[in-house]
C-alpha atoms as a PDB file:
ATOM      1  CA  MET A   1     120.892-128.083  25.485  1.00  0.00           C
ATOM      2  CA  LEU A   2     123.464-126.917  22.953  1.00  0.00           C
ATOM      3  CA  GLY A   3     122.173-128.483  19.738  1.00  0.00           C
ATOM      4  CA  THR A   4     122.438-125.307  17.654  1.00  0.00           C
ATOM      5  CA  LEU A   5     125.969-124.654  18.906  1.00  0.00           C
ATOM      6  CA  CYS A   6     126.861-128.243  18.030  1.00  0.00           C
ATOM      7  CA  ARG A   7     125.632-127.724  14.451  1.00  0.00           C
ATOM      8  CA  TYR A   8     127.562-124.464  14.095  1.00  0.00           C
ATOM      9  CA  LEU A   9     130.744-126.100  15.418  1.00  0.00           C
ATOM     10  CA  ARG A  10     130.364-128.814  12.799  1.00  0.00           C
ATOM     11  CA  PHE A  11     129.985-126.163  10.073  1.00  0.00           C
ATOM     12  CA  MET A  12     133.208-124.741  11.457  1.00  0.00           C
ATOM     13  CA  GLY A  13     134.922-128.112  11.014  1.00  0.00           C
ATOM     14  CA  TYR A  14     135.008-129.272  14.623  1.00  0.00           C
ATOM     15  CA  ASP A  15     134.566-132.955  15.453  1.00  0.00           C
ATOM     16  CA  THR A  16     131.592-132.527  17.750  1.00  0.00           C
ATOM     17  CA  GLU A  17     129.522-135.096  19.598  1.00  0.00           C
ATOM     18  CA  SER A  18     126.220-134.440  21.279  1.00  0.00           C
ATOM     19  CA  ALA A  19     124.798-135.922  24.454  1.00  0.00           C
ATOM     20  CA  HIS A  20     121.635-136.601  22.432  1.00  0.00           C
ATOM     21  CA  SER A  21     123.162-139.945  21.500  1.00  0.00           C
ATOM     22  CA  MET A  22     122.864-141.062  25.141  1.00  0.00           C
ATOM     23  CA  SER A  23     119.699-142.607  26.512  1.00  0.00           C
ATOM     24  CA  GLU A  24     117.457-140.160  28.348  1.00  0.00           C
ATOM     25  CA  GLY A  25     117.018-140.322  32.087  1.00  0.00           C
ATOM     26  CA  ASN A  26     120.323-142.022  32.831  1.00  0.00           C
ATOM     27  CA  PRO A  27     121.275-140.831  36.329  1.00  0.00           C
ATOM     28  CA  ARG A  28     124.947-141.424  35.523  1.00  0.00           C
ATOM     29  CA  GLU A  29     124.864-139.306  32.357  1.00  0.00           C
ATOM     30  CA  ASP A  30     127.169-136.595  33.745  1.00  0.00           C
ATOM     31  CA  THR A  31     129.763-139.161  34.817  1.00  0.00           C
ATOM     32  CA  LEU A  32     129.565-140.863  31.426  1.00  0.00           C
ATOM     33  CA  LEU A  33     129.987-137.526  29.623  1.00  0.00           C
ATOM     34  CA  LEU A  34     133.055-136.657  31.714  1.00  0.00           C
ATOM     35  CA  ARG A  35     134.600-140.091  31.143  1.00  0.00           C
ATOM     36  CA  SER A  36     133.947-139.871  27.420  1.00  0.00           C
ATOM     37  CA  ALA A  37     135.531-136.406  27.226  1.00  0.00           C
ATOM     38  CA  GLU A  38     138.578-137.690  29.103  1.00  0.00           C
ATOM     39  CA  ARG A  39     138.909-140.887  27.050  1.00  0.00           C
ATOM     40  CA  GLU A  40     138.497-139.092  23.710  1.00  0.00           C
ATOM     41  CA  ASP A  41     140.493-136.003  24.714  1.00  0.00           C
ATOM     42  CA  ARG A  42     137.522-133.701  24.132  1.00  0.00           C
ATOM     43  CA  ILE A  43     136.375-130.483  25.702  1.00  0.00           C
ATOM     44  CA  LEU A  44     132.960-130.797  27.278  1.00  0.00           C
ATOM     45  CA  LEU A  45     130.671-127.833  26.588  1.00  0.00           C
ATOM     46  CA  THR A  46     127.742-127.598  28.965  1.00  0.00           C
ATOM     47  CA  ARG A  47     125.135-125.256  30.400  1.00  0.00           C
ATOM     48  CA  ASP A  48     125.117-127.252  33.644  1.00  0.00           C
ATOM     49  CA  LYS A  49     127.146-125.386  36.301  1.00  0.00           C
ATOM     50  CA  GLU A  50     127.674-128.486  38.449  1.00  0.00           C
ATOM     51  CA  LEU A  51     128.871-130.557  35.480  1.00  0.00           C
ATOM     52  CA  ALA A  52     131.251-127.767  34.436  1.00  0.00           C
ATOM     53  CA  ARG A  53     132.645-127.627  37.974  1.00  0.00           C
ATOM     54  CA  ARG A  54     133.109-131.408  38.110  1.00  0.00           C
ATOM     55  CA  GLY A  55     134.803-131.398  34.714  1.00  0.00           C
ATOM     56  CA  GLY A  56     137.504-128.928  35.765  1.00  0.00           C
ATOM     57  CA  ALA A  57     139.749-127.790  32.904  1.00  0.00           C
ATOM     58  CA  ARG A  58     138.108-130.288  30.534  1.00  0.00           C
ATOM     59  CA  ALA A  59     134.668-128.653  30.840  1.00  0.00           C
ATOM     60  CA  VAL A  60     133.499-125.208  29.738  1.00  0.00           C
ATOM     61  CA  LEU A  61     130.348-123.569  31.013  1.00  0.00           C
ATOM     62  CA  VAL A  62     128.401-122.058  28.119  1.00  0.00           C
ATOM     63  CA  SER A  63     125.825-119.465  29.065  1.00  0.00           C
ATOM     64  CA  GLY A  64     123.307-117.486  27.091  1.00  0.00           C
ATOM     65  CA  ASP A  65     120.770-118.578  24.532  1.00  0.00           C
ATOM     66  CA  ASP A  66     122.196-116.887  21.445  1.00  0.00           C
ATOM     67  CA  VAL A  67     124.490-119.193  19.478  1.00  0.00           C
ATOM     68  CA  LEU A  68     126.599-116.264  18.248  1.00  0.00           C
ATOM     69  CA  ASP A  69     127.224-115.158  21.827  1.00  0.00           C
ATOM     70  CA  GLN A  70     128.192-118.725  22.679  1.00  0.00           C
ATOM     71  CA  ILE A  71     130.619-118.827  19.754  1.00  0.00           C
ATOM     72  CA  ALA A  72     132.064-115.463  20.808  1.00  0.00           C
ATOM     73  CA  VAL A  73     132.857-116.841  24.269  1.00  0.00           C
ATOM     74  CA  LEU A  74     134.594-119.889  22.777  1.00  0.00           C
ATOM     75  CA  VAL A  75     136.594-117.675  20.409  1.00  0.00           C
ATOM     76  CA  LYS A  76     137.631-115.282  23.175  1.00  0.00           C
ATOM     77  CA  ARG A  77     138.771-118.208  25.331  1.00  0.00           C
ATOM     78  CA  GLY A  78     140.899-119.506  22.449  1.00  0.00           C
ATOM     79  CA  ILE A  79     138.951-122.757  22.174  1.00  0.00           C
ATOM     80  CA  ILE A  80     137.878-122.319  18.552  1.00  0.00           C
ATOM     81  CA  GLU A  81     138.711-120.251  15.477  1.00  0.00           C
ATOM     82  CA  PRO A  82     135.752-118.447  13.840  1.00  0.00           C
ATOM     83  CA  GLU A  83     136.122-120.066  10.429  1.00  0.00           C
ATOM     84  CA  LEU A  84     133.529-121.743   8.198  1.00  0.00           C
ATOM     85  CA  ARG A  85     135.135-124.923   6.889  1.00  0.00           C
ATOM     86  CA  MET A  86     132.122-126.931   5.725  1.00  0.00           C
ATOM     87  CA  ASN A  87     133.921-130.277   5.958  1.00  0.00           C
ATOM     88  CA  ARG A  88     131.582-132.027   8.426  1.00  0.00           C
ATOM     89  CA  CYS A  89     127.923-132.969   8.219  1.00  0.00           C
ATOM     90  CA  SER A  90     125.893-130.723  10.498  1.00  0.00           C
ATOM     91  CA  ILE A  91     123.589-133.634  11.298  1.00  0.00           C
ATOM     92  CA  CYS A  92     125.826-136.657  11.949  1.00  0.00           C
ATOM     93  CA  ASN A  93     129.345-135.142  12.206  1.00  0.00           C
ATOM     94  CA  ALA A  94     130.765-137.355   9.426  1.00  0.00           C
ATOM     95  CA  LEU A  95     133.447-135.917   7.187  1.00  0.00           C
ATOM     96  CA  LEU A  96     132.085-134.616   3.903  1.00  0.00           C
ATOM     97  CA  ARG A  97     133.578-135.485   0.521  1.00  0.00           C
ATOM     98  CA  PRO A  98     133.248-133.764  -2.850  1.00  0.00           C
ATOM     99  CA  ALA A  99     129.825-134.596  -4.318  1.00  0.00           C
ATOM    100  CA  ARG A 100     129.448-136.542  -7.528  1.00  0.00           C
ATOM    101  CA  GLU A 101     127.351-135.195 -10.375  1.00  0.00           C
ATOM    102  CA  ASN A 102     124.590-137.792  -9.879  1.00  0.00           C
ATOM    103  CA  GLU A 103     124.349-136.848  -6.176  1.00  0.00           C
ATOM    104  CA  ILE A 104     124.002-133.186  -7.075  1.00  0.00           C
ATOM    105  CA  SER A 105     121.430-133.754  -9.817  1.00  0.00           C
ATOM    106  CA  SER A 106     119.347-136.100  -7.643  1.00  0.00           C
ATOM    107  CA  ALA A 107     119.037-133.539  -4.836  1.00  0.00           C
ATOM    108  CA  SER A 108     115.844-131.608  -5.573  1.00  0.00           C
ATOM    109  CA  TYR A 109     116.999-128.797  -3.267  1.00  0.00           C
ATOM    110  CA  ALA A 110     120.273-128.191  -5.144  1.00  0.00           C
ATOM    111  CA  PRO A 111     120.540-124.860  -6.975  1.00  0.00           C
ATOM    112  CA  LYS A 112     119.812-125.044 -10.689  1.00  0.00           C
ATOM    113  CA  ASN A 113     122.689-122.754 -11.657  1.00  0.00           C
ATOM    114  CA  ARG A 114     125.699-124.800 -10.532  1.00  0.00           C
ATOM    115  CA  ARG A 115     128.518-122.859 -12.089  1.00  0.00           C
ATOM    116  CA  ASP A 116     131.286-121.901  -9.678  1.00  0.00           C
ATOM    117  CA  ILE A 117     129.735-123.817  -6.784  1.00  0.00           C
ATOM    118  CA  SER A 118     131.547-126.526  -4.865  1.00  0.00           C
ATOM    119  CA  PHE A 119     129.298-129.301  -3.583  1.00  0.00           C
ATOM    120  CA  PHE A 120     129.944-131.709  -0.713  1.00  0.00           C
ATOM    121  CA  TRP A 121     128.232-134.956   0.208  1.00  0.00           C
ATOM    122  CA  CYS A 122     127.565-136.785   3.471  1.00  0.00           C
ATOM    123  CA  ARG A 123     127.695-140.538   2.896  1.00  0.00           C
ATOM    124  CA  ASN A 124     125.801-141.261   6.111  1.00  0.00           C
ATOM    125  CA  CYS A 125     122.899-138.810   5.829  1.00  0.00           C
ATOM    126  CA  ARG A 126     122.966-138.656   2.034  1.00  0.00           C
ATOM    127  CA  LYS A 127     122.751-134.869   2.316  1.00  0.00           C
ATOM    128  CA  LEU A 128     124.179-132.361  -0.129  1.00  0.00           C
ATOM    129  CA  TYR A 129     125.990-129.233   1.059  1.00  0.00           C
ATOM    130  CA  TRP A 130     127.380-126.302  -0.886  1.00  0.00           C
ATOM    131  CA  LEU A 131     128.878-122.905  -0.281  1.00  0.00           C
ATOM    132  CA  GLY A 132     126.304-120.510  -1.681  1.00  0.00           C
ATOM    133  CA  SER A 133     124.854-117.182  -0.608  1.00  0.00           C
ATOM    134  CA  HIS A 134     123.654-118.748   2.649  1.00  0.00           C
ATOM    135  CA  SER A 135     127.255-119.668   3.479  1.00  0.00           C
ATOM    136  CA  GLU A 136     128.404-116.078   2.974  1.00  0.00           C
ATOM    137  CA  HIS A 137     125.765-114.993   5.474  1.00  0.00           C
ATOM    138  CA  LEU A 138     126.869-117.752   7.858  1.00  0.00           C
ATOM    139  CA  LYS A 139     130.534-116.741   7.473  1.00  0.00           C
ATOM    140  CA  LYS A 140     129.694-113.173   8.435  1.00  0.00           C
ATOM    141  CA  ARG A 141     127.658-114.332  11.409  1.00  0.00           C
ATOM    142  CA  ILE A 142     130.420-116.651  12.632  1.00  0.00           C
ATOM    143  CA  LYS A 143     133.183-114.072  12.193  1.00  0.00           C
ATOM    144  CA  GLY A 144     131.138-111.550  14.146  1.00  0.00           C
ATOM    145  CA  GLY A 145     134.000-109.098  14.396  1.00  0.00           C
ATOM    146  CA  TRP A 146     136.200-111.174  16.690  1.00  0.00           C
END
């Protein structure tokens, strides 16, 4: 339900788990999500009104389809800071580390002009990240004037 928001939160440096890791069709999924949030001291973000109600202070109802509107609500509620940190993999949530030269050169999608660019590497996904022009655009979108 909130896959894009999850990715954005990871770009913003938040340790974010997704319900996608759970098996589909589990009738106890809501209970498992609430228990997991409690056990791991997490805030549960959901579009499900009933789940948000059951979760009390630990759950936040997220409405709207636009990820920037969703981020704005979280910022206004003081749950997150609108900052691009780029220290987590947007796919698997693992912490990124500085990339090695061989990892940069082996990534066919890496920019050719590498001067003044910091690169980061996900050990799990073997994905290269960097702060380039796309990150400036993302920073502006995330800041959104809040």
